[in-house]
Amino acid sequence: MSRRDVIGIAQTGTGKTAAFALPLLHNLATDPRPAVRKSCRILVLSPTRELSSQILDSFRTYGRHLRIKTALSIGGVSMRAQIHSLLGGVDVLVATPGRLLDLVKTNALRLDGVECLVLDEADRMLDMGFIHDIRKIVARLPIRRQTLMFSATMPRAIAELAAHMLRDPIKVAVAPTATTADRVEQRIIRVDRPAKTAILIDVLRRETIDRCLIFTRTKHGADKVARNLRHAGIAADAIHGNKSQGQRERVLAAFRKGEVRMLVATDIAARGIDVEGISHVVNYDVPNVPETYVHRIGRTARAGAEGIAISLCDGQEMGFLRDIEKLIRASIPMSDRRADQRQSGHGSRPAVDAGERHRRQSDQSRKQDRRHPANGSPSSGIASVAFLHRHGRPQRDVGRGTQRRNGHLKGS
């Protein structure tokens, strides 16, 4: 509210949108000005259409008793209505970078009157997928402006890049960078790659689920998983970048209403999407960028609720898992459902019961189970990644470096 530049970092689901929307609305209300034609006073940029729409809804909800003009500019829909909404000028414009530049290039929008720039999901906005567009936009903004950046994660390289865009910023971090929500129960299930779909179906049938968000790495993978779930009698739909904006909005609306309880998505849904009642997040594919894991599982346990995050990890993804545990500075409880473990009798039970949350067997009890298999009690399986470290590290993909550089772009 003092109009200083700010870097805000907090766990996902803790109210970052309100943290910038409420003070900005207050400043607009205390300093009302006539709207300037084809211009805006506050510009909010976000990486996805769905998040942009959600941010605009928040501004309209919080400011419903104020005379504030707002507009939305996103891709995937006709520009005509968006151009018309900007003709008389607006107070708040929420946009995705690509569509914003389209409007600027066609002279439908001027940026010389922007008083405040907000980058939501700032780490994503400043990575290699968006940085060129962001630089073009910033070059058109007034030098004297307020800049606000908010995110759940802020890698060092992104923080250094952000420093060039802010003036003497205040950094507000209400939780350590890249920490996961305390109320999310995290689990890892070791699987054989060919058995992933069967184990996913078994997990979904055994868990008590209100709504479940299932993440895949690719758009094709999202469609395939949704199709396999439907064939198994589990109602599911998919959302990703190849869907039209109308399709994406309809699927997301059905998920919010509870008409579809299983939503399979690429990382298009990992950032900022707020749907009440998501009890489970399942990583069908372990993300190859560790910060993405934090954002994915943050779709559950929002606003003080509790949630469960389950990741199906095959041998080729163990390197990704180690990177995730290093980032969040914690070991995630693990069970093993690989065929060779079940046949040898050293694997965990076919499913993890809800009553076994956060329960991990000691090394002594595991050894006792193995020495006395006839007593009928199944062993606890692998309790931590340390077991894998002792038995050799699986080889990482040769192209992993390229995947890390491009991982954000997939499914966008």
Protein backbone atom coordinates (compact mmCIF):
# COMPACT_ATOMS: atom_id res chain seq x y z
CA MET A 1 0.00 0.00 0.00
CA SER A 2 3.05 2.29 0.33
CA ARG A 3 3.62 1.61 -3.39
CA ARG A 4 6.98 -0.09 -2.88
CA ASP A 5 8.06 -2.93 -5.18
CA VAL A 6 7.37 -6.33 -3.61
CA ILE A 7 8.46 -9.93 -4.02
CA GLY A 8 5.91 -12.12 -2.24
CA ILE A 9 6.54 -15.82 -1.61
CA ALA A 10 4.06 -18.09 0.15
CA GLN A 11 2.77 -21.63 -0.02
CA THR A 12 0.20 -22.21 -2.71
CA GLY A 13 -3.38 -21.90 -1.54
CA THR A 14 -2.65 -19.30 1.16
CA GLY A 15 -4.22 -16.26 -0.51
CA LYS A 16 -1.60 -14.54 -2.66
CA THR A 17 -4.26 -13.21 -5.06
CA ALA A 18 -6.00 -11.38 -2.22
CA ALA A 19 -2.61 -10.16 -0.99
CA PHE A 20 -2.18 -8.00 -4.09
CA ALA A 21 -5.79 -7.49 -5.20
CA LEU A 22 -7.12 -5.97 -1.98
CA PRO A 23 -4.47 -3.24 -1.52
CA LEU A 24 -4.58 -2.37 -5.22
CA LEU A 25 -8.35 -1.98 -5.07
CA HIS A 26 -7.94 0.19 -1.99
CA ASN A 27 -5.46 2.44 -3.82
CA LEU A 28 -7.82 2.74 -6.78
CA ALA A 29 -10.73 3.60 -4.50
CA THR A 30 -8.78 6.30 -2.65
CA ASP A 31 -7.39 7.79 -5.87
CA PRO A 32 -10.20 7.60 -8.45
CA ARG A 33 -9.42 8.91 -11.93
CA PRO A 34 -11.30 8.87 -15.22
CA ALA A 35 -10.31 5.89 -17.39
CA VAL A 36 -7.94 6.76 -20.23
CA ARG A 37 -8.91 5.48 -23.68
CA LYS A 38 -7.18 2.21 -24.65
CA SER A 39 -5.23 2.14 -21.41
CA CYS A 40 -5.16 0.58 -17.94
CA ARG A 41 -3.86 1.61 -14.53
CA ILE A 42 -3.09 -1.86 -13.18
CA LEU A 43 -1.76 -4.67 -15.36
CA VAL A 44 -1.80 -8.23 -13.99
CA LEU A 45 0.02 -10.91 -16.01
CA SER A 46 -0.40 -14.64 -15.43
CA PRO A 47 0.83 -17.70 -17.36
CA THR A 48 -2.50 -19.40 -18.17
CA ARG A 49 -5.96 -18.43 -19.38
CA GLU A 50 -7.68 -20.22 -16.51
CA LEU A 51 -5.60 -18.45 -13.87
CA SER A 52 -6.17 -15.08 -15.56
CA SER A 53 -9.93 -15.63 -15.50
CA GLN A 54 -9.77 -16.63 -11.86
CA ILE A 55 -7.75 -13.53 -10.92
CA LEU A 56 -10.26 -11.28 -12.68
CA ASP A 57 -13.11 -12.98 -10.82
CA SER A 58 -11.31 -12.22 -7.55
CA PHE A 59 -10.93 -8.53 -8.44
CA ARG A 60 -14.62 -8.33 -9.35
CA THR A 61 -15.68 -10.15 -6.17
CA TYR A 62 -13.53 -8.05 -3.85
CA GLY A 63 -14.43 -4.80 -5.61
CA ARG A 64 -18.09 -5.43 -6.35
CA HIS A 65 -19.13 -2.33 -4.36
CA LEU A 66 -16.53 -0.12 -6.05
CA ARG A 67 -16.84 1.57 -9.40
CA ILE A 68 -13.86 -0.23 -10.88
CA LYS A 69 -13.61 -1.09 -14.57
CA THR A 70 -11.96 -4.43 -15.32
CA ALA A 71 -11.13 -6.41 -18.44
CA LEU A 72 -9.67 -9.78 -19.44
CA SER A 73 -7.32 -10.40 -22.37
CA ILE A 74 -6.43 -14.05 -23.04
CA GLY A 75 -5.72 -16.20 -26.06
CA GLY A 76 -7.93 -18.88 -27.50
CA VAL A 77 -10.91 -16.57 -28.01
CA SER A 78 -11.79 -13.78 -30.43
CA MET A 79 -9.93 -10.49 -29.96
CA ARG A 80 -12.90 -8.39 -31.11
CA ALA A 81 -14.73 -8.35 -27.78
CA GLN A 82 -11.48 -7.74 -25.93
CA ILE A 83 -10.63 -4.77 -28.16
CA HIS A 84 -14.09 -3.34 -27.57
CA SER A 85 -13.74 -3.69 -23.77
CA LEU A 86 -10.54 -1.62 -23.85
CA LEU A 87 -11.81 1.23 -26.03
CA GLY A 88 -12.90 3.40 -23.11
CA GLY A 89 -10.01 2.34 -20.88
CA VAL A 90 -10.06 0.23 -17.71
CA ASP A 91 -8.68 0.34 -14.20
CA VAL A 92 -7.56 -3.29 -14.02
CA LEU A 93 -6.49 -5.48 -16.95
CA VAL A 94 -5.69 -9.15 -16.37
CA ALA A 95 -3.94 -10.79 -19.31
CA THR A 96 -1.70 -13.52 -20.64
CA PRO A 97 1.51 -12.17 -22.24
CA GLY A 98 0.91 -13.37 -25.81
CA ARG A 99 -2.55 -11.87 -26.19
CA LEU A 100 -1.44 -8.65 -24.49
CA LEU A 101 1.30 -8.17 -27.08
CA ASP A 102 -1.20 -8.86 -29.87
CA LEU A 103 -3.40 -6.04 -28.54
CA VAL A 104 -0.42 -3.69 -28.26
CA LYS A 105 0.74 -4.44 -31.80
CA THR A 106 -2.72 -3.69 -33.22
CA ASN A 107 -2.87 -0.38 -31.29
CA ALA A 108 -5.85 -1.60 -29.28
CA LEU A 109 -3.92 -1.03 -26.04
CA ARG A 110 -1.33 1.42 -24.75
CA LEU A 111 0.87 0.62 -21.75
CA ASP A 112 2.27 4.08 -21.02
CA GLY A 113 -0.36 4.69 -18.32
CA VAL A 114 0.32 1.57 -16.22
CA GLU A 115 0.88 2.48 -12.58
CA CYS A 116 1.39 -1.04 -11.26
CA LEU A 117 2.56 -4.28 -12.88
CA VAL A 118 1.74 -7.57 -11.15
CA LEU A 119 3.40 -10.85 -12.15
CA ASP A 120 1.45 -13.74 -10.65
CA GLU A 121 3.31 -17.07 -10.64
CA ALA A 122 6.41 -14.95 -11.17
CA ASP A 123 8.86 -17.83 -11.47
CA ARG A 124 6.86 -19.25 -14.37
CA MET A 125 6.51 -15.82 -15.99
CA LEU A 126 10.27 -15.25 -15.94
CA ASP A 127 11.41 -18.64 -17.20
CA MET A 128 12.50 -19.24 -20.79
CA GLY A 129 8.92 -19.81 -21.92
CA PHE A 130 7.74 -16.25 -21.22
CA ILE A 131 10.78 -14.09 -20.57
CA HIS A 132 11.02 -12.69 -24.12
CA ASP A 133 7.39 -11.57 -24.07
CA ILE A 134 7.79 -10.13 -20.57
CA ARG A 135 10.82 -8.10 -21.65
CA LYS A 136 8.89 -6.67 -24.59
CA ILE A 137 6.01 -5.71 -22.30
CA VAL A 138 8.25 -4.17 -19.62
CA ALA A 139 10.04 -2.08 -22.27
CA ARG A 140 6.71 -0.37 -23.03
CA LEU A 141 5.84 0.38 -19.41
CA PRO A 142 6.63 3.64 -17.58
CA ILE A 143 9.94 3.56 -15.72
CA ARG A 144 8.24 4.98 -12.63
CA ARG A 145 5.81 2.26 -11.65
CA GLN A 146 5.18 -0.24 -8.89
CA THR A 147 6.07 -3.86 -9.64
CA LEU A 148 4.74 -6.79 -7.61
CA MET A 149 5.84 -10.42 -8.02
CA PHE A 150 4.11 -13.32 -6.30
CA SER A 151 4.89 -17.03 -6.38
CA ALA A 152 5.09 -20.18 -4.29
CA THR A 153 8.62 -20.90 -5.56
CA MET A 154 11.47 -18.60 -6.54
CA PRO A 155 14.53 -20.39 -7.94
CA ARG A 156 17.77 -18.42 -7.60
CA ALA A 157 18.17 -17.82 -11.33
CA ILE A 158 14.65 -16.41 -11.54
CA ALA A 159 15.21 -14.25 -8.45
CA GLU A 160 18.34 -12.75 -10.02
CA LEU A 161 16.41 -11.99 -13.20
CA ALA A 162 13.56 -10.44 -11.20
CA ALA A 163 16.00 -8.13 -9.42
CA HIS A 164 16.60 -6.26 -12.68
CA MET A 165 12.89 -5.48 -12.99
CA LEU A 166 12.33 -4.10 -9.48
CA ARG A 167 13.59 -1.08 -7.58
CA ASP A 168 14.67 -1.66 -3.98
CA PRO A 169 12.00 -4.33 -3.46
CA ILE A 170 10.62 -5.54 -0.16
CA LYS A 171 10.69 -9.33 0.07
CA VAL A 172 7.86 -10.93 2.04
CA ALA A 173 8.21 -14.68 2.55
CA VAL A 174 5.62 -16.22 4.86
CA ALA A 175 7.10 -19.70 4.42
CA PRO A 176 10.49 -21.01 3.28
CA THR A 177 10.83 -21.02 -0.49
CA ALA A 178 9.52 -24.21 -2.12
CA THR A 179 7.92 -25.63 0.99
CA THR A 180 4.79 -27.72 0.58
CA ALA A 181 1.58 -27.15 2.49
CA ASP A 182 1.69 -28.78 5.94
CA ARG A 183 -1.75 -30.31 5.50
CA VAL A 184 -0.83 -32.27 2.36
CA GLU A 185 -0.10 -35.92 3.07
CA GLN A 186 2.47 -37.00 0.49
CA ARG A 187 3.10 -40.54 -0.72
CA ILE A 188 5.24 -42.20 -3.37
CA ILE A 189 4.34 -45.54 -4.96
CA ARG A 190 7.13 -47.29 -6.87
CA VAL A 191 5.67 -48.92 -9.99
CA ASP A 192 6.66 -50.60 -13.21
CA ARG A 193 5.96 -48.25 -16.10
CA PRO A 194 3.58 -50.67 -17.94
CA ALA A 195 1.52 -51.12 -14.76
CA LYS A 196 0.98 -47.43 -14.03
CA THR A 197 -2.55 -47.23 -15.41
CA ALA A 198 -3.70 -50.38 -13.59
CA ILE A 199 -2.25 -49.14 -10.30
CA LEU A 200 -3.80 -45.69 -10.84
CA ILE A 201 -7.22 -47.28 -11.31
CA ASP A 202 -6.72 -49.39 -8.17
CA VAL A 203 -5.66 -46.32 -6.14
CA LEU A 204 -8.67 -44.30 -7.31
CA ARG A 205 -11.04 -47.13 -6.38
CA ARG A 206 -9.55 -47.64 -2.92
CA GLU A 207 -9.27 -44.00 -1.86
CA THR A 208 -12.18 -41.96 -0.52
CA ILE A 209 -12.15 -39.17 -3.09
CA ASP A 210 -14.19 -35.99 -3.34
CA ARG A 211 -12.39 -34.59 -6.36
CA CYS A 212 -9.09 -35.77 -7.81
CA LEU A 213 -6.68 -33.93 -10.09
CA ILE A 214 -4.38 -36.27 -12.04
CA PHE A 215 -1.27 -34.80 -13.68
CA THR A 216 0.49 -36.10 -16.78
CA ARG A 217 3.55 -34.73 -18.55
CA THR A 218 2.06 -34.54 -22.05
CA LYS A 219 -1.24 -33.61 -23.69
CA HIS A 220 -1.45 -36.99 -25.43
CA GLY A 221 -0.82 -38.68 -22.09
CA ALA A 222 -3.69 -36.76 -20.46
CA ASP A 223 -6.14 -37.88 -23.15
CA LYS A 224 -4.91 -41.47 -22.93
CA VAL A 225 -5.21 -41.66 -19.14
CA ALA A 226 -8.70 -40.12 -19.20
CA ARG A 227 -9.77 -42.59 -21.89
CA ASN A 228 -8.40 -45.56 -19.91
CA LEU A 229 -10.20 -44.41 -16.76
CA ARG A 230 -13.49 -44.17 -18.64
CA HIS A 231 -12.97 -47.66 -20.05
CA ALA A 232 -12.53 -48.86 -16.46
CA GLY A 233 -15.85 -47.30 -15.48
CA ILE A 234 -14.38 -44.22 -13.76
CA ALA A 235 -15.86 -40.94 -15.01
CA ALA A 236 -13.00 -38.68 -16.04
CA ASP A 237 -12.20 -35.83 -18.42
CA ALA A 238 -9.01 -34.14 -19.62
CA ILE A 239 -7.83 -30.53 -19.88
CA HIS A 240 -4.73 -29.33 -21.75
CA GLY A 241 -3.44 -26.78 -24.22
CA ASN A 242 -4.79 -28.52 -27.33
CA LYS A 243 -8.37 -28.09 -26.11
CA SER A 244 -10.27 -25.04 -27.28
CA GLN A 245 -10.91 -22.36 -24.68
CA GLY A 246 -14.59 -23.28 -24.67
CA GLN A 247 -13.79 -26.94 -24.01
CA ARG A 248 -11.38 -26.03 -21.23
CA GLU A 249 -13.92 -23.80 -19.53
CA ARG A 250 -16.67 -26.42 -19.77
CA VAL A 251 -14.48 -29.19 -18.35
CA LEU A 252 -13.23 -27.00 -15.52
CA ALA A 253 -16.79 -25.86 -14.72
CA ALA A 254 -17.96 -29.49 -14.58
CA PHE A 255 -15.06 -30.32 -12.26
CA ARG A 256 -15.90 -27.39 -9.97
CA LYS A 257 -19.55 -28.46 -9.81
CA GLY A 258 -18.62 -32.05 -9.04
CA GLU A 259 -20.15 -33.39 -12.25
CA VAL A 260 -16.68 -34.77 -13.10
CA ARG A 261 -14.73 -36.01 -10.08
CA MET A 262 -11.56 -37.10 -11.89
CA LEU A 263 -9.79 -34.45 -13.98
CA VAL A 264 -6.65 -35.40 -15.91
CA ALA A 265 -4.49 -32.40 -16.74
CA THR A 266 -1.11 -31.22 -17.91
CA ASP A 267 0.66 -28.50 -15.94
CA ILE A 268 -1.82 -26.01 -17.36
CA ALA A 269 -3.76 -26.75 -14.15
CA ALA A 270 -0.77 -26.75 -11.81
CA ARG A 271 -0.56 -23.00 -11.42
CA GLY A 272 -3.00 -21.06 -9.32
CA ILE A 273 -6.19 -22.92 -10.22
CA ASP A 274 -8.39 -22.88 -7.14
CA VAL A 275 -11.14 -25.51 -7.01
CA GLU A 276 -12.80 -26.24 -3.68
CA GLY A 277 -12.97 -29.83 -2.54
CA ILE A 278 -9.95 -31.33 -4.30
CA SER A 279 -9.13 -34.08 -1.83
CA HIS A 280 -6.45 -35.82 -3.92
CA VAL A 281 -3.71 -34.93 -6.38
CA VAL A 282 -2.11 -37.82 -8.27
CA ASN A 283 1.11 -37.42 -10.23
CA TYR A 284 0.73 -40.05 -12.93
CA ASP A 285 4.02 -38.70 -14.27
CA VAL A 286 6.53 -37.33 -11.75
CA PRO A 287 7.39 -33.79 -12.92
CA ASN A 288 10.89 -33.30 -14.31
CA VAL A 289 11.07 -29.79 -12.82
CA PRO A 290 11.00 -30.04 -9.00
CA GLU A 291 9.27 -26.68 -8.45
CA THR A 292 6.36 -27.98 -10.53
CA TYR A 293 5.76 -30.67 -7.89
CA VAL A 294 5.16 -27.97 -5.27
CA HIS A 295 2.62 -26.23 -7.49
CA ARG A 296 0.87 -29.47 -8.47
CA ILE A 297 0.24 -30.78 -4.98
CA GLY A 298 -0.79 -27.28 -3.92
CA ARG A 299 -4.07 -27.80 -5.77
CA THR A 300 -5.24 -29.70 -2.68
CA ALA A 301 -5.20 -28.68 1.00
CA ARG A 302 -6.08 -25.09 0.09
CA ALA A 303 -7.31 -22.46 2.54
CA GLY A 304 -6.63 -24.63 5.60
CA ALA A 305 -8.16 -27.85 4.28
CA GLU A 306 -6.39 -31.23 4.22
CA GLY A 307 -5.40 -33.24 1.17
CA ILE A 308 -3.47 -36.22 -0.16
CA ALA A 309 -0.81 -36.20 -2.88
CA ILE A 310 0.18 -39.53 -4.44
CA SER A 311 2.96 -39.90 -7.03
CA LEU A 312 3.42 -42.99 -9.20
CA CYS A 313 7.18 -43.25 -9.76
CA ASP A 314 8.80 -45.63 -12.24
CA GLY A 315 12.52 -46.38 -12.50
CA GLN A 316 13.26 -43.63 -15.01
CA GLU A 317 11.71 -40.99 -12.72
CA MET A 318 13.76 -41.69 -9.59
CA GLY A 319 16.18 -38.91 -10.49
CA PHE A 320 13.27 -36.48 -10.64
CA LEU A 321 12.09 -37.69 -7.22
CA ARG A 322 15.52 -37.08 -5.65
CA ASP A 323 15.50 -33.54 -7.05
CA ILE A 324 12.04 -32.96 -5.54
CA GLU A 325 13.06 -34.21 -2.11
CA LYS A 326 16.16 -32.03 -2.22
CA LEU A 327 14.04 -28.98 -3.07
CA ILE A 328 11.44 -29.52 -0.34
CA ARG A 329 14.10 -30.74 2.10
CA ALA A 330 12.11 -33.80 3.12
CA SER A 331 11.86 -37.51 2.36
CA ILE A 332 8.47 -38.62 1.07
CA PRO A 333 7.09 -41.92 2.46
CA MET A 334 7.31 -44.64 -0.17
CA SER A 335 5.69 -48.01 -0.86
CA ASP A 336 6.63 -50.46 -3.58
CA ARG A 337 4.26 -52.13 -6.04
CA ARG A 338 6.72 -53.33 -8.63
CA ALA A 339 6.26 -56.89 -9.85
CA ASP A 340 9.67 -58.13 -8.70
CA GLN A 341 9.04 -56.79 -5.18
CA ARG A 342 5.65 -58.48 -4.92
CA GLN A 343 7.01 -61.79 -6.18
CA SER A 344 9.90 -61.75 -3.69
CA GLY A 345 7.55 -60.90 -0.85
CA HIS A 346 9.44 -57.72 0.05
CA GLY A 347 6.97 -55.25 -1.44
CA SER A 348 4.38 -53.29 0.44
CA ARG A 349 0.71 -54.07 0.44
CA PRO A 350 -1.14 -53.54 -2.86
CA ALA A 351 -2.59 -50.25 -1.63
CA VAL A 352 -1.84 -47.75 1.08
CA ASP A 353 -4.77 -47.46 3.49
CA ALA A 354 -5.87 -44.03 4.62
CA GLY A 355 -5.34 -45.12 8.22
CA GLU A 356 -1.64 -45.64 7.57
CA ARG A 357 -0.91 -41.99 6.87
CA HIS A 358 2.58 -40.90 7.81
CA ARG A 359 3.29 -44.35 9.36
CA ARG A 360 6.74 -45.68 8.51
CA GLN A 361 8.17 -48.97 9.68
CA SER A 362 11.62 -48.97 11.32
CA ASP A 363 14.54 -50.88 9.79
CA GLN A 364 14.28 -53.41 12.59
CA SER A 365 10.65 -54.27 11.90
CA ARG A 366 11.29 -54.61 8.18
CA LYS A 367 14.10 -57.06 8.81
CA GLN A 368 11.87 -59.03 11.18
CA ASP A 369 9.13 -59.25 8.53
CA ARG A 370 11.60 -60.64 6.05
CA ARG A 371 12.94 -63.21 8.51
CA HIS A 372 9.42 -64.39 9.43
CA PRO A 373 7.28 -64.25 6.27
CA ALA A 374 5.02 -67.05 7.48
CA ASN A 375 3.35 -64.91 10.11
CA GLY A 376 1.16 -63.36 7.45
CA SER A 377 2.02 -59.72 8.04
CA PRO A 378 3.11 -57.97 4.88
CA SER A 379 6.35 -56.03 5.00
CA SER A 380 6.31 -52.30 4.82
CA GLY A 381 8.30 -52.07 1.61
CA ILE A 382 10.68 -49.22 0.94
CA ALA A 383 10.29 -46.53 3.56
CA SER A 384 12.61 -43.95 2.04
CA VAL A 385 14.82 -43.12 -0.89
CA ALA A 386 17.80 -44.13 1.25
CA PHE A 387 17.04 -47.77 0.36
CA LEU A 388 17.45 -46.95 -3.30
CA HIS A 389 20.68 -45.09 -2.67
CA ARG A 390 22.16 -48.21 -1.06
CA HIS A 391 21.12 -50.40 -3.97
CA GLY A 392 22.37 -48.20 -6.75
CA ARG A 393 21.02 -45.11 -8.42
CA PRO A 394 18.96 -45.65 -11.58
CA GLN A 395 20.35 -43.98 -14.65
CA ARG A 396 18.76 -40.66 -15.54
CA ASP A 397 17.54 -39.95 -19.03
CA VAL A 398 20.23 -38.65 -21.36
CA GLY A 399 17.88 -35.87 -22.51
CA ARG A 400 16.98 -34.79 -19.00
CA GLY A 401 18.83 -31.50 -19.25
CA THR A 402 16.81 -30.60 -22.32
CA GLN A 403 13.63 -31.69 -20.55
CA ARG A 404 14.46 -29.45 -17.58
CA ARG A 405 14.93 -26.46 -19.83
CA ASN A 406 11.75 -27.13 -21.77
CA GLY A 407 9.67 -28.83 -19.11
CA HIS A 408 7.53 -25.78 -18.37
CA LEU A 409 6.43 -25.47 -21.96
CA LYS A 410 4.93 -28.92 -22.22
CA GLY A 411 1.19 -28.96 -21.80
CA SER A 412 0.90 -25.20 -21.62
